[in-house]
Full PDB file with SEQRES, HELIX, SHEET, SSBOND, CRYST1, ORIGX, SCALE, CONECT and MASTER records, all heavy atoms in Angstrom:
SEQRES   1 A   39  PHE ALA GLU VAL ALA ALA TRP PHE LEU ILE HIS LEU GLU          
SEQRES   2 A   39  LEU SER ILE PRO VAL LEU THR ARG PRO GLU MET ILE ASP          
SEQRES   3 A   39  TYR ILE ASN GLU ILE LEU GLU LEU PRO ARG PHE GLN ILE          
HELIX    1 AA1 ALA A    2  SER A   15  1                                  14    
HELIX    2 AA2 ARG A   21  LEU A   32  1                                  12    
HELIX    3 AA3 PRO A   35  GLN A   38  1                                   4    
CRYST1    1.000    1.000    1.000  90.00  90.00  90.00 P 1           1          
ORIGX1      1.000000  0.000000  0.000000        0.00000                         
ORIGX2      0.000000  1.000000  0.000000        0.00000                         
ORIGX3      0.000000  0.000000  1.000000        0.00000                         
SCALE1      1.000000  0.000000  0.000000        0.00000                         
SCALE2      0.000000  1.000000  0.000000        0.00000                         
SCALE3      0.000000  0.000000  1.000000        0.00000                         
ATOM      1  N   PHE A   1      70.957  -9.983   7.406  1.00  0.00           N  
ATOM      2  CA  PHE A   1      71.247 -10.895   6.289  1.00  0.00           C  
ATOM      3  C   PHE A   1      71.222 -12.325   6.738  1.00  0.00           C  
ATOM      4  O   PHE A   1      70.831 -13.205   5.881  1.00  0.00           O  
ATOM      5  CB  PHE A   1      72.520 -10.518   5.633  1.00  0.00           C  
ATOM      6  CG  PHE A   1      72.524  -9.150   4.931  1.00  0.00           C  
ATOM      7  CD1 PHE A   1      73.548  -8.294   5.072  1.00  0.00           C  
ATOM      8  CD2 PHE A   1      71.400  -8.837   4.178  1.00  0.00           C  
ATOM      9  CE1 PHE A   1      73.498  -7.031   4.438  1.00  0.00           C  
ATOM     10  CE2 PHE A   1      71.318  -7.575   3.511  1.00  0.00           C  
ATOM     11  CZ  PHE A   1      72.357  -6.685   3.706  1.00  0.00           C  
ATOM     12  N   ALA A   2      71.603 -12.662   7.936  1.00  0.00           N  
ATOM     13  CA  ALA A   2      71.572 -14.047   8.459  1.00  0.00           C  
ATOM     14  C   ALA A   2      70.137 -14.497   8.481  1.00  0.00           C  
ATOM     15  O   ALA A   2      69.849 -15.653   8.140  1.00  0.00           O  
ATOM     16  CB  ALA A   2      72.265 -14.096   9.825  1.00  0.00           C  
ATOM     17  N   GLU A   3      69.204 -13.652   8.836  1.00  0.00           N  
ATOM     18  CA  GLU A   3      67.799 -13.990   8.835  1.00  0.00           C  
ATOM     19  C   GLU A   3      67.270 -14.290   7.511  1.00  0.00           C  
ATOM     20  O   GLU A   3      66.492 -15.249   7.291  1.00  0.00           O  
ATOM     21  CB  GLU A   3      66.970 -12.869   9.468  1.00  0.00           C  
ATOM     22  CG  GLU A   3      67.184 -12.678  10.963  1.00  0.00           C  
ATOM     23  CD  GLU A   3      66.360 -11.529  11.512  1.00  0.00           C  
ATOM     24  OE1 GLU A   3      65.499 -11.037  10.864  1.00  0.00           O  
ATOM     25  OE2 GLU A   3      66.588 -11.157  12.784  1.00  0.00           O  
ATOM     26  N   VAL A   4      67.711 -13.523   6.511  1.00  0.00           N  
ATOM     27  CA  VAL A   4      67.244 -13.814   5.082  1.00  0.00           C  
ATOM     28  C   VAL A   4      67.713 -15.172   4.683  1.00  0.00           C  
ATOM     29  O   VAL A   4      66.919 -15.954   4.145  1.00  0.00           O  
ATOM     30  CB  VAL A   4      67.798 -12.759   4.182  1.00  0.00           C  
ATOM     31  CG1 VAL A   4      67.500 -13.069   2.690  1.00  0.00           C  
ATOM     32  CG2 VAL A   4      67.246 -11.362   4.479  1.00  0.00           C  
ATOM     33  N   ALA A   5      68.998 -15.439   4.832  1.00  0.00           N  
ATOM     34  CA  ALA A   5      69.457 -16.788   4.435  1.00  0.00           C  
ATOM     35  C   ALA A   5      68.817 -17.934   5.159  1.00  0.00           C  
ATOM     36  O   ALA A   5      68.454 -18.907   4.560  1.00  0.00           O  
ATOM     37  CB  ALA A   5      70.994 -16.813   4.726  1.00  0.00           C  
ATOM     38  N   ALA A   6      68.662 -17.790   6.499  1.00  0.00           N  
ATOM     39  CA  ALA A   6      68.073 -18.873   7.282  1.00  0.00           C  
ATOM     40  C   ALA A   6      66.616 -19.083   6.961  1.00  0.00           C  
ATOM     41  O   ALA A   6      66.174 -20.207   6.812  1.00  0.00           O  
ATOM     42  CB  ALA A   6      68.315 -18.577   8.755  1.00  0.00           C  
ATOM     43  N   TRP A   7      65.866 -17.987   6.918  1.00  0.00           N  
ATOM     44  CA  TRP A   7      64.427 -18.120   6.583  1.00  0.00           C  
ATOM     45  C   TRP A   7      64.154 -18.701   5.252  1.00  0.00           C  
ATOM     46  O   TRP A   7      63.204 -19.493   5.073  1.00  0.00           O  
ATOM     47  CB  TRP A   7      63.763 -16.726   6.723  1.00  0.00           C  
ATOM     48  CG  TRP A   7      63.241 -16.362   8.091  1.00  0.00           C  
ATOM     49  CD1 TRP A   7      63.778 -15.429   8.889  1.00  0.00           C  
ATOM     50  CD2 TRP A   7      62.196 -16.967   8.781  1.00  0.00           C  
ATOM     51  NE1 TRP A   7      63.080 -15.326  10.057  1.00  0.00           N  
ATOM     52  CE2 TRP A   7      62.126 -16.310  10.014  1.00  0.00           C  
ATOM     53  CE3 TRP A   7      61.256 -18.006   8.506  1.00  0.00           C  
ATOM     54  CZ2 TRP A   7      61.109 -16.623  11.003  1.00  0.00           C  
ATOM     55  CZ3 TRP A   7      60.350 -18.322   9.460  1.00  0.00           C  
ATOM     56  CH2 TRP A   7      60.246 -17.667  10.650  1.00  0.00           C  
ATOM     57  N   PHE A   8      64.992 -18.379   4.301  1.00  0.00           N  
ATOM     58  CA  PHE A   8      64.779 -18.943   2.931  1.00  0.00           C  
ATOM     59  C   PHE A   8      64.907 -20.485   2.956  1.00  0.00           C  
ATOM     60  O   PHE A   8      64.069 -21.175   2.400  1.00  0.00           O  
ATOM     61  CB  PHE A   8      65.799 -18.309   1.990  1.00  0.00           C  
ATOM     62  CG  PHE A   8      65.612 -18.622   0.545  1.00  0.00           C  
ATOM     63  CD1 PHE A   8      64.333 -18.975   0.051  1.00  0.00           C  
ATOM     64  CD2 PHE A   8      66.670 -18.657  -0.330  1.00  0.00           C  
ATOM     65  CE1 PHE A   8      64.151 -19.281  -1.232  1.00  0.00           C  
ATOM     66  CE2 PHE A   8      66.484 -18.969  -1.717  1.00  0.00           C  
ATOM     67  CZ  PHE A   8      65.229 -19.279  -2.148  1.00  0.00           C  
ATOM     68  N   LEU A   9      65.931 -21.012   3.591  1.00  0.00           N  
ATOM     69  CA  LEU A   9      66.125 -22.420   3.611  1.00  0.00           C  
ATOM     70  C   LEU A   9      65.010 -23.102   4.356  1.00  0.00           C  
ATOM     71  O   LEU A   9      64.500 -24.159   4.024  1.00  0.00           O  
ATOM     72  CB  LEU A   9      67.471 -22.767   4.241  1.00  0.00           C  
ATOM     73  CG  LEU A   9      67.834 -24.270   4.318  1.00  0.00           C  
ATOM     74  CD1 LEU A   9      67.783 -24.961   2.846  1.00  0.00           C  
ATOM     75  CD2 LEU A   9      69.244 -24.453   4.895  1.00  0.00           C  
ATOM     76  N   ILE A  10      64.613 -22.520   5.486  1.00  0.00           N  
ATOM     77  CA  ILE A  10      63.477 -23.091   6.314  1.00  0.00           C  
ATOM     78  C   ILE A  10      62.218 -23.107   5.496  1.00  0.00           C  
ATOM     79  O   ILE A  10      61.453 -24.089   5.503  1.00  0.00           O  
ATOM     80  CB  ILE A  10      63.308 -22.299   7.657  1.00  0.00           C  
ATOM     81  CG1 ILE A  10      64.487 -22.448   8.552  1.00  0.00           C  
ATOM     82  CG2 ILE A  10      62.024 -22.704   8.309  1.00  0.00           C  
ATOM     83  CD1 ILE A  10      64.539 -21.565   9.745  1.00  0.00           C  
ATOM     84  N   HIS A  11      62.007 -22.017   4.767  1.00  0.00           N  
ATOM     85  CA  HIS A  11      60.757 -21.942   3.938  1.00  0.00           C  
ATOM     86  C   HIS A  11      60.775 -22.935   2.860  1.00  0.00           C  
ATOM     87  O   HIS A  11      59.743 -23.568   2.516  1.00  0.00           O  
ATOM     88  CB  HIS A  11      60.613 -20.510   3.322  1.00  0.00           C  
ATOM     89  CG  HIS A  11      59.374 -20.314   2.538  1.00  0.00           C  
ATOM     90  ND1 HIS A  11      58.162 -20.331   3.031  1.00  0.00           N  
ATOM     91  CD2 HIS A  11      59.272 -20.248   1.227  1.00  0.00           C  
ATOM     92  CE1 HIS A  11      57.245 -20.129   2.062  1.00  0.00           C  
ATOM     93  NE2 HIS A  11      57.916 -20.071   0.947  1.00  0.00           N  
ATOM     94  N   LEU A  12      61.901 -23.221   2.256  1.00  0.00           N  
ATOM     95  CA  LEU A  12      62.039 -24.271   1.197  1.00  0.00           C  
ATOM     96  C   LEU A  12      61.758 -25.629   1.787  1.00  0.00           C  
ATOM     97  O   LEU A  12      61.226 -26.451   1.082  1.00  0.00           O  
ATOM     98  CB  LEU A  12      63.364 -24.136   0.556  1.00  0.00           C  
ATOM     99  CG  LEU A  12      63.628 -22.901  -0.323  1.00  0.00           C  
ATOM    100  CD1 LEU A  12      65.058 -22.942  -0.909  1.00  0.00           C  
ATOM    101  CD2 LEU A  12      62.550 -22.774  -1.389  1.00  0.00           C  
ATOM    102  N   GLU A  13      62.197 -25.894   3.016  1.00  0.00           N  
ATOM    103  CA  GLU A  13      61.877 -27.157   3.663  1.00  0.00           C  
ATOM    104  C   GLU A  13      60.380 -27.410   3.802  1.00  0.00           C  
ATOM    105  O   GLU A  13      59.894 -28.484   3.535  1.00  0.00           O  
ATOM    106  CB  GLU A  13      62.527 -27.204   5.072  1.00  0.00           C  
ATOM    107  CG  GLU A  13      64.086 -27.273   5.039  1.00  0.00           C  
ATOM    108  CD  GLU A  13      64.599 -27.155   6.493  1.00  0.00           C  
ATOM    109  OE1 GLU A  13      63.933 -27.578   7.365  1.00  0.00           O  
ATOM    110  OE2 GLU A  13      65.765 -26.594   6.601  1.00  0.00           O  
ATOM    111  N   LEU A  14      59.658 -26.275   4.154  1.00  0.00           N  
ATOM    112  CA  LEU A  14      58.207 -26.375   4.249  1.00  0.00           C  
ATOM    113  C   LEU A  14      57.545 -26.537   2.894  1.00  0.00           C  
ATOM    114  O   LEU A  14      56.400 -26.882   2.832  1.00  0.00           O  
ATOM    115  CB  LEU A  14      57.688 -25.070   5.031  1.00  0.00           C  
ATOM    116  CG  LEU A  14      58.160 -24.905   6.455  1.00  0.00           C  
ATOM    117  CD1 LEU A  14      57.684 -23.565   6.946  1.00  0.00           C  
ATOM    118  CD2 LEU A  14      57.680 -26.061   7.327  1.00  0.00           C  
ATOM    119  N   SER A  15      58.326 -26.119   1.846  1.00  0.00           N  
ATOM    120  CA  SER A  15      57.686 -26.230   0.529  1.00  0.00           C  
ATOM    121  C   SER A  15      57.759 -27.611  -0.071  1.00  0.00           C  
ATOM    122  O   SER A  15      57.067 -27.858  -1.073  1.00  0.00           O  
ATOM    123  CB  SER A  15      58.476 -25.264  -0.431  1.00  0.00           C  
ATOM    124  OG  SER A  15      58.509 -23.948   0.061  1.00  0.00           O  
ATOM    125  N   ILE A  16      58.558 -28.507   0.475  1.00  0.00           N  
ATOM    126  CA  ILE A  16      58.751 -29.854  -0.081  1.00  0.00           C  
ATOM    127  C   ILE A  16      57.494 -30.608  -0.288  1.00  0.00           C  
ATOM    128  O   ILE A  16      57.255 -31.187  -1.383  1.00  0.00           O  
ATOM    129  CB  ILE A  16      59.861 -30.655   0.788  1.00  0.00           C  
ATOM    130  CG1 ILE A  16      61.231 -29.999   0.662  1.00  0.00           C  
ATOM    131  CG2 ILE A  16      59.832 -32.108   0.330  1.00  0.00           C  
ATOM    132  CD1 ILE A  16      61.860 -30.094  -0.795  1.00  0.00           C  
ATOM    133  N   PRO A  17      56.618 -30.695   0.709  1.00  0.00           N  
ATOM    134  CA  PRO A  17      55.359 -31.483   0.532  1.00  0.00           C  
ATOM    135  C   PRO A  17      54.354 -30.723  -0.256  1.00  0.00           C  
ATOM    136  O   PRO A  17      53.276 -31.322  -0.593  1.00  0.00           O  
ATOM    137  CB  PRO A  17      54.876 -31.726   1.985  1.00  0.00           C  
ATOM    138  CG  PRO A  17      55.422 -30.580   2.773  1.00  0.00           C  
ATOM    139  CD  PRO A  17      56.728 -30.242   2.131  1.00  0.00           C  
ATOM    140  N   VAL A  18      54.586 -29.468  -0.656  1.00  0.00           N  
ATOM    141  CA  VAL A  18      53.566 -28.666  -1.395  1.00  0.00           C  
ATOM    142  C   VAL A  18      53.862 -28.586  -2.830  1.00  0.00           C  
ATOM    143  O   VAL A  18      52.968 -28.648  -3.676  1.00  0.00           O  
ATOM    144  CB  VAL A  18      53.585 -27.278  -0.738  1.00  0.00           C  
ATOM    145  CG1 VAL A  18      52.507 -26.409  -1.456  1.00  0.00           C  
ATOM    146  CG2 VAL A  18      53.271 -27.273   0.728  1.00  0.00           C  
ATOM    147  N   LEU A  19      55.141 -28.442  -3.183  1.00  0.00           N  
ATOM    148  CA  LEU A  19      55.526 -28.259  -4.641  1.00  0.00           C  
ATOM    149  C   LEU A  19      56.210 -29.479  -5.178  1.00  0.00           C  
ATOM    150  O   LEU A  19      56.952 -30.173  -4.453  1.00  0.00           O  
ATOM    151  CB  LEU A  19      56.434 -26.986  -4.704  1.00  0.00           C  
ATOM    152  CG  LEU A  19      55.859 -25.665  -4.191  1.00  0.00           C  
ATOM    153  CD1 LEU A  19      56.963 -24.563  -4.334  1.00  0.00           C  
ATOM    154  CD2 LEU A  19      54.644 -25.270  -5.017  1.00  0.00           C  
ATOM    155  N   THR A  20      56.051 -29.650  -6.487  1.00  0.00           N  
ATOM    156  CA  THR A  20      56.863 -30.694  -7.171  1.00  0.00           C  
ATOM    157  C   THR A  20      58.266 -30.210  -7.332  1.00  0.00           C  
ATOM    158  O   THR A  20      58.585 -29.000  -7.198  1.00  0.00           O  
ATOM    159  CB  THR A  20      56.219 -31.032  -8.512  1.00  0.00           C  
ATOM    160  OG1 THR A  20      56.301 -29.822  -9.350  1.00  0.00           O  
ATOM    161  CG2 THR A  20      54.734 -31.461  -8.377  1.00  0.00           C  
ATOM    162  N   ARG A  21      59.144 -31.080  -7.812  1.00  0.00           N  
ATOM    163  CA  ARG A  21      60.529 -30.661  -7.946  1.00  0.00           C  
ATOM    164  C   ARG A  21      60.648 -29.544  -9.032  1.00  0.00           C  
ATOM    165  O   ARG A  21      61.323 -28.588  -8.800  1.00  0.00           O  
ATOM    166  CB  ARG A  21      61.385 -31.865  -8.346  1.00  0.00           C  
ATOM    167  CG  ARG A  21      62.865 -31.533  -8.512  1.00  0.00           C  
ATOM    168  CD  ARG A  21      63.762 -32.758  -8.794  1.00  0.00           C  
ATOM    169  NE  ARG A  21      65.166 -32.397  -8.881  1.00  0.00           N  
ATOM    170  CZ  ARG A  21      66.133 -33.119  -8.342  1.00  0.00           C  
ATOM    171  NH1 ARG A  21      65.791 -34.171  -7.619  1.00  0.00           N  
ATOM    172  NH2 ARG A  21      67.391 -32.694  -8.432  1.00  0.00           N  
ATOM    173  N   PRO A  22      60.035 -29.717 -10.242  1.00  0.00           N  
ATOM    174  CA  PRO A  22      60.108 -28.633 -11.188  1.00  0.00           C  
ATOM    175  C   PRO A  22      59.527 -27.304 -10.720  1.00  0.00           C  
ATOM    176  O   PRO A  22      60.069 -26.194 -10.975  1.00  0.00           O  
ATOM    177  CB  PRO A  22      59.299 -29.104 -12.344  1.00  0.00           C  
ATOM    178  CG  PRO A  22      59.395 -30.621 -12.276  1.00  0.00           C  
ATOM    179  CD  PRO A  22      59.320 -30.864 -10.832  1.00  0.00           C  
ATOM    180  N   GLU A  23      58.459 -27.405  -9.947  1.00  0.00           N  
ATOM    181  CA  GLU A  23      57.835 -26.148  -9.325  1.00  0.00           C  
ATOM    182  C   GLU A  23      58.812 -25.572  -8.314  1.00  0.00           C  
ATOM    183  O   GLU A  23      58.901 -24.335  -8.259  1.00  0.00           O  
ATOM    184  CB  GLU A  23      56.514 -26.562  -8.641  1.00  0.00           C  
ATOM    185  CG  GLU A  23      55.368 -26.885  -9.664  1.00  0.00           C  
ATOM    186  CD  GLU A  23      54.155 -27.384  -8.983  1.00  0.00           C  
ATOM    187  OE1 GLU A  23      54.224 -27.937  -7.781  1.00  0.00           O  
ATOM    188  OE2 GLU A  23      53.065 -27.232  -9.546  1.00  0.00           O  
ATOM    189  N   MET A  24      59.496 -26.404  -7.577  1.00  0.00           N  
ATOM    190  CA  MET A  24      60.481 -25.861  -6.602  1.00  0.00           C  
ATOM    191  C   MET A  24      61.565 -25.118  -7.287  1.00  0.00           C  
ATOM    192  O   MET A  24      61.987 -24.079  -6.781  1.00  0.00           O  
ATOM    193  CB  MET A  24      61.000 -27.043  -5.727  1.00  0.00           C  
ATOM    194  CG  MET A  24      60.129 -27.443  -4.607  1.00  0.00           C  
ATOM    195  SD  MET A  24      60.306 -26.328  -3.201  1.00  0.00           S  
ATOM    196  CE  MET A  24      61.857 -26.808  -2.518  1.00  0.00           C  
ATOM    197  N   ILE A  25      62.057 -25.704  -8.388  1.00  0.00           N  
ATOM    198  CA  ILE A  25      63.241 -25.087  -9.105  1.00  0.00           C  
ATOM    199  C   ILE A  25      62.745 -23.735  -9.606  1.00  0.00           C  
ATOM    200  O   ILE A  25      63.514 -22.741  -9.428  1.00  0.00           O  
ATOM    201  CB  ILE A  25      63.662 -25.971 -10.301  1.00  0.00           C  
ATOM    202  CG1 ILE A  25      64.205 -27.305  -9.734  1.00  0.00           C  
ATOM    203  CG2 ILE A  25      64.796 -25.216 -11.016  1.00  0.00           C  
ATOM    204  CD1 ILE A  25      65.304 -27.261  -8.750  1.00  0.00           C  
ATOM    205  N   ASP A  26      61.584 -23.661 -10.160  1.00  0.00           N  
ATOM    206  CA  ASP A  26      61.098 -22.343 -10.660  1.00  0.00           C  
ATOM    207  C   ASP A  26      60.903 -21.345  -9.520  1.00  0.00           C  
ATOM    208  O   ASP A  26      61.184 -20.119  -9.610  1.00  0.00           O  
ATOM    209  CB  ASP A  26      59.741 -22.536 -11.360  1.00  0.00           C  
ATOM    210  CG  ASP A  26      59.956 -23.224 -12.711  1.00  0.00           C  
ATOM    211  OD1 ASP A  26      61.094 -23.254 -13.228  1.00  0.00           O  
ATOM    212  OD2 ASP A  26      58.968 -23.756 -13.246  1.00  0.00           O  
ATOM    213  N   TYR A  27      60.358 -21.891  -8.399  1.00  0.00           N  
ATOM    214  CA  TYR A  27      60.092 -21.013  -7.281  1.00  0.00           C  
ATOM    215  C   TYR A  27      61.414 -20.477  -6.646  1.00  0.00           C  
ATOM    216  O   TYR A  27      61.491 -19.276  -6.279  1.00  0.00           O  
ATOM    217  CB  TYR A  27      59.339 -21.864  -6.182  1.00  0.00           C  
ATOM    218  CG  TYR A  27      58.969 -21.037  -4.963  1.00  0.00           C  
ATOM    219  CD1 TYR A  27      58.140 -19.895  -5.052  1.00  0.00           C  
ATOM    220  CD2 TYR A  27      59.336 -21.438  -3.710  1.00  0.00           C  
ATOM    221  CE1 TYR A  27      57.790 -19.189  -3.936  1.00  0.00           C  
ATOM    222  CE2 TYR A  27      58.993 -20.732  -2.548  1.00  0.00           C  
ATOM    223  CZ  TYR A  27      58.223 -19.629  -2.655  1.00  0.00           C  
ATOM    224  OH  TYR A  27      57.845 -18.884  -1.552  1.00  0.00           O  
ATOM    225  N   ILE A  28      62.397 -21.311  -6.538  1.00  0.00           N  
ATOM    226  CA  ILE A  28      63.746 -20.862  -5.979  1.00  0.00           C  
ATOM    227  C   ILE A  28      64.378 -19.791  -6.902  1.00  0.00           C  
ATOM    228  O   ILE A  28      64.827 -18.790  -6.389  1.00  0.00           O  
ATOM    229  CB  ILE A  28      64.683 -22.095  -5.867  1.00  0.00           C  
ATOM    230  CG1 ILE A  28      64.203 -23.064  -4.814  1.00  0.00           C  
ATOM    231  CG2 ILE A  28      66.095 -21.674  -5.563  1.00  0.00           C  
ATOM    232  CD1 ILE A  28      64.901 -24.353  -4.809  1.00  0.00           C  
ATOM    233  N   ASN A  29      64.261 -19.983  -8.160  1.00  0.00           N  
ATOM    234  CA  ASN A  29      64.711 -18.939  -9.104  1.00  0.00           C  
ATOM    235  C   ASN A  29      64.025 -17.607  -8.978  1.00  0.00           C  
ATOM    236  O   ASN A  29      64.591 -16.543  -8.984  1.00  0.00           O  
ATOM    237  CB  ASN A  29      64.632 -19.441 -10.533  1.00  0.00           C  
ATOM    238  CG  ASN A  29      65.764 -20.389 -10.941  1.00  0.00           C  
ATOM    239  OD1 ASN A  29      66.926 -20.145 -10.634  1.00  0.00           O  
ATOM    240  ND2 ASN A  29      65.468 -21.424 -11.719  1.00  0.00           N  
ATOM    241  N   GLU A  30      62.689 -17.732  -8.734  1.00  0.00           N  
ATOM    242  CA  GLU A  30      61.887 -16.549  -8.524  1.00  0.00           C  
ATOM    243  C   GLU A  30      62.327 -15.773  -7.261  1.00  0.00           C  
ATOM    244  O   GLU A  30      62.441 -14.499  -7.331  1.00  0.00           O  
ATOM    245  CB  GLU A  30      60.373 -16.996  -8.415  1.00  0.00           C  
ATOM    246  CG  GLU A  30      59.370 -15.891  -8.056  1.00  0.00           C  
ATOM    247  CD  GLU A  30      58.086 -16.456  -7.706  1.00  0.00           C  
ATOM    248  OE1 GLU A  30      57.619 -17.460  -8.323  1.00  0.00           O  
ATOM    249  OE2 GLU A  30      57.372 -15.794  -6.810  1.00  0.00           O  
ATOM    250  N   ILE A  31      62.531 -16.479  -6.182  1.00  0.00           N  
ATOM    251  CA  ILE A  31      62.870 -15.829  -4.938  1.00  0.00           C  
ATOM    252  C   ILE A  31      64.321 -15.254  -4.981  1.00  0.00           C  
ATOM    253  O   ILE A  31      64.565 -14.138  -4.483  1.00  0.00           O  
ATOM    254  CB  ILE A  31      62.801 -16.806  -3.731  1.00  0.00           C  
ATOM    255  CG1 ILE A  31      61.372 -17.337  -3.637  1.00  0.00           C  
ATOM    256  CG2 ILE A  31      63.170 -16.103  -2.464  1.00  0.00           C  
ATOM    257  CD1 ILE A  31      60.308 -16.359  -3.562  1.00  0.00           C  
ATOM    258  N   LEU A  32      65.186 -15.938  -5.628  1.00  0.00           N  
ATOM    259  CA  LEU A  32      66.596 -15.472  -5.778  1.00  0.00           C  
ATOM    260  C   LEU A  32      66.715 -14.159  -6.573  1.00  0.00           C  
ATOM    261  O   LEU A  32      67.736 -13.480  -6.441  1.00  0.00           O  
ATOM    262  CB  LEU A  32      67.479 -16.509  -6.447  1.00  0.00           C  
ATOM    263  CG  LEU A  32      67.827 -17.772  -5.570  1.00  0.00           C  
ATOM    264  CD1 LEU A  32      68.460 -18.789  -6.421  1.00  0.00           C  
ATOM    265  CD2 LEU A  32      68.647 -17.339  -4.377  1.00  0.00           C  
ATOM    266  N   GLU A  33      65.644 -13.817  -7.305  1.00  0.00           N  
ATOM    267  CA  GLU A  33      65.641 -12.548  -8.084  1.00  0.00           C  
ATOM    268  C   GLU A  33      65.123 -11.415  -7.299  1.00  0.00           C  
ATOM    269  O   GLU A  33      65.188 -10.247  -7.787  1.00  0.00           O  
ATOM    270  CB  GLU A  33      64.814 -12.768  -9.389  1.00  0.00           C  
ATOM    271  CG  GLU A  33      65.440 -13.656 -10.411  1.00  0.00           C  
ATOM    272  CD  GLU A  33      66.745 -13.027 -10.921  1.00  0.00           C  
ATOM    273  OE1 GLU A  33      66.886 -11.861 -11.254  1.00  0.00           O  
ATOM    274  OE2 GLU A  33      67.750 -13.835 -10.996  1.00  0.00           O  
ATOM    275  N   LEU A  34      64.514 -11.641  -6.159  1.00  0.00           N  
ATOM    276  CA  LEU A  34      64.014 -10.581  -5.322  1.00  0.00           C  
ATOM    277  C   LEU A  34      65.168  -9.645  -4.923  1.00  0.00           C  
ATOM    278  O   LEU A  34      66.282 -10.089  -4.512  1.00  0.00           O  
ATOM    279  CB  LEU A  34      63.305 -11.109  -4.108  1.00  0.00           C  
ATOM    280  CG  LEU A  34      61.980 -11.881  -4.467  1.00  0.00           C  
ATOM    281  CD1 LEU A  34      61.392 -12.504  -3.171  1.00  0.00           C  
ATOM    282  CD2 LEU A  34      60.887 -11.008  -5.059  1.00  0.00           C  
ATOM    283  N   PRO A  35      64.915  -8.336  -4.854  1.00  0.00           N  
ATOM    284  CA  PRO A  35      66.028  -7.330  -4.525  1.00  0.00           C  
ATOM    285  C   PRO A  35      66.819  -7.611  -3.255  1.00  0.00           C  
ATOM    286  O   PRO A  35      68.044  -7.601  -3.291  1.00  0.00           O  
ATOM    287  CB  PRO A  35      65.234  -5.976  -4.439  1.00  0.00           C  
ATOM    288  CG  PRO A  35      64.020  -6.245  -5.245  1.00  0.00           C  
ATOM    289  CD  PRO A  35      63.636  -7.674  -5.115  1.00  0.00           C  
ATOM    290  N   ARG A  36      66.102  -7.886  -2.143  1.00  0.00           N  
ATOM    291  CA  ARG A  36      66.861  -8.059  -0.776  1.00  0.00           C  
ATOM    292  C   ARG A  36      67.558  -9.385  -0.835  1.00  0.00           C  
ATOM    293  O   ARG A  36      68.562  -9.531  -0.123  1.00  0.00           O  
ATOM    294  CB  ARG A  36      65.869  -7.908   0.343  1.00  0.00           C  
ATOM    295  CG  ARG A  36      65.847  -6.549   1.021  1.00  0.00           C  
ATOM    296  CD  ARG A  36      65.584  -5.377   0.010  1.00  0.00           C  
ATOM    297  NE  ARG A  36      64.251  -5.508  -0.616  1.00  0.00           N  
ATOM    298  CZ  ARG A  36      63.776  -4.639  -1.452  1.00  0.00           C  
ATOM    299  NH1 ARG A  36      64.435  -3.603  -1.900  1.00  0.00           N  
ATOM    300  NH2 ARG A  36      62.530  -4.812  -1.976  1.00  0.00           N  
ATOM    301  N   PHE A  37      67.137 -10.377  -1.541  1.00  0.00           N  
ATOM    302  CA  PHE A  37      67.821 -11.654  -1.615  1.00  0.00           C  
ATOM    303  C   PHE A  37      69.126 -11.483  -2.442  1.00  0.00           C  
ATOM    304  O   PHE A  37      70.178 -12.097  -2.183  1.00  0.00           O  
ATOM    305  CB  PHE A  37      66.966 -12.749  -2.245  1.00  0.00           C  
ATOM    306  CG  PHE A  37      65.906 -13.255  -1.219  1.00  0.00           C  
ATOM    307  CD1 PHE A  37      64.746 -12.541  -0.968  1.00  0.00           C  
ATOM    308  CD2 PHE A  37      66.044 -14.438  -0.568  1.00  0.00           C  
ATOM    309  CE1 PHE A  37      63.823 -12.950   0.003  1.00  0.00           C  
ATOM    310  CE2 PHE A  37      65.150 -14.935   0.366  1.00  0.00           C  
ATOM    311  CZ  PHE A  37      64.038 -14.173   0.578  1.00  0.00           C  
ATOM    312  N   GLN A  38      69.062 -10.610  -3.475  1.00  0.00           N  
ATOM    313  CA  GLN A  38      70.251 -10.373  -4.243  1.00  0.00           C  
ATOM    314  C   GLN A  38      71.252  -9.568  -3.396  1.00  0.00           C  
ATOM    315  O   GLN A  38      72.488  -9.804  -3.422  1.00  0.00           O  
ATOM    316  CB  GLN A  38      69.940  -9.624  -5.497  1.00  0.00           C  
ATOM    317  CG  GLN A  38      69.139 -10.507  -6.530  1.00  0.00           C  
ATOM    318  CD  GLN A  38      69.074  -9.820  -7.900  1.00  0.00           C  
ATOM    319  OE1 GLN A  38      69.717  -8.875  -8.100  1.00  0.00           O  
ATOM    320  NE2 GLN A  38      68.366 -10.477  -8.775  1.00  0.00           N  
ATOM    321  N   ILE A  39      70.725  -8.600  -2.671  1.00  0.00           N  
ATOM    322  CA  ILE A  39      71.632  -7.789  -1.798  1.00  0.00           C  
ATOM    323  C   ILE A  39      72.339  -8.700  -0.738  1.00  0.00           C  
ATOM    324  O   ILE A  39      73.538  -8.526  -0.437  1.00  0.00           O  
ATOM    325  CB  ILE A  39      70.821  -6.652  -1.100  1.00  0.00           C  
ATOM    326  CG1 ILE A  39      70.342  -5.617  -2.105  1.00  0.00           C  
ATOM    327  CG2 ILE A  39      71.587  -6.042   0.015  1.00  0.00           C  
ATOM    328  CD1 ILE A  39      69.447  -4.607  -1.525  1.00  0.00           C  
TER     329      ILE A  39                                                      
MASTER        0    0    0    3    0    0    0    6  328    1    0    3          
END                                                                             
C-alpha cells in the first residue's frame, strides 16, 4: 500500500507538464476510483 500511495504522487508530478489543471483534476478523480486505490 505504501507503493500505491508513493507511485501515485510521483506519477502526478510527472503529469504536471502534460495535463492542464482541469485535466489533472479529472484524472485524479479517475484514478481515485480504481479498486486498489480505494482499498
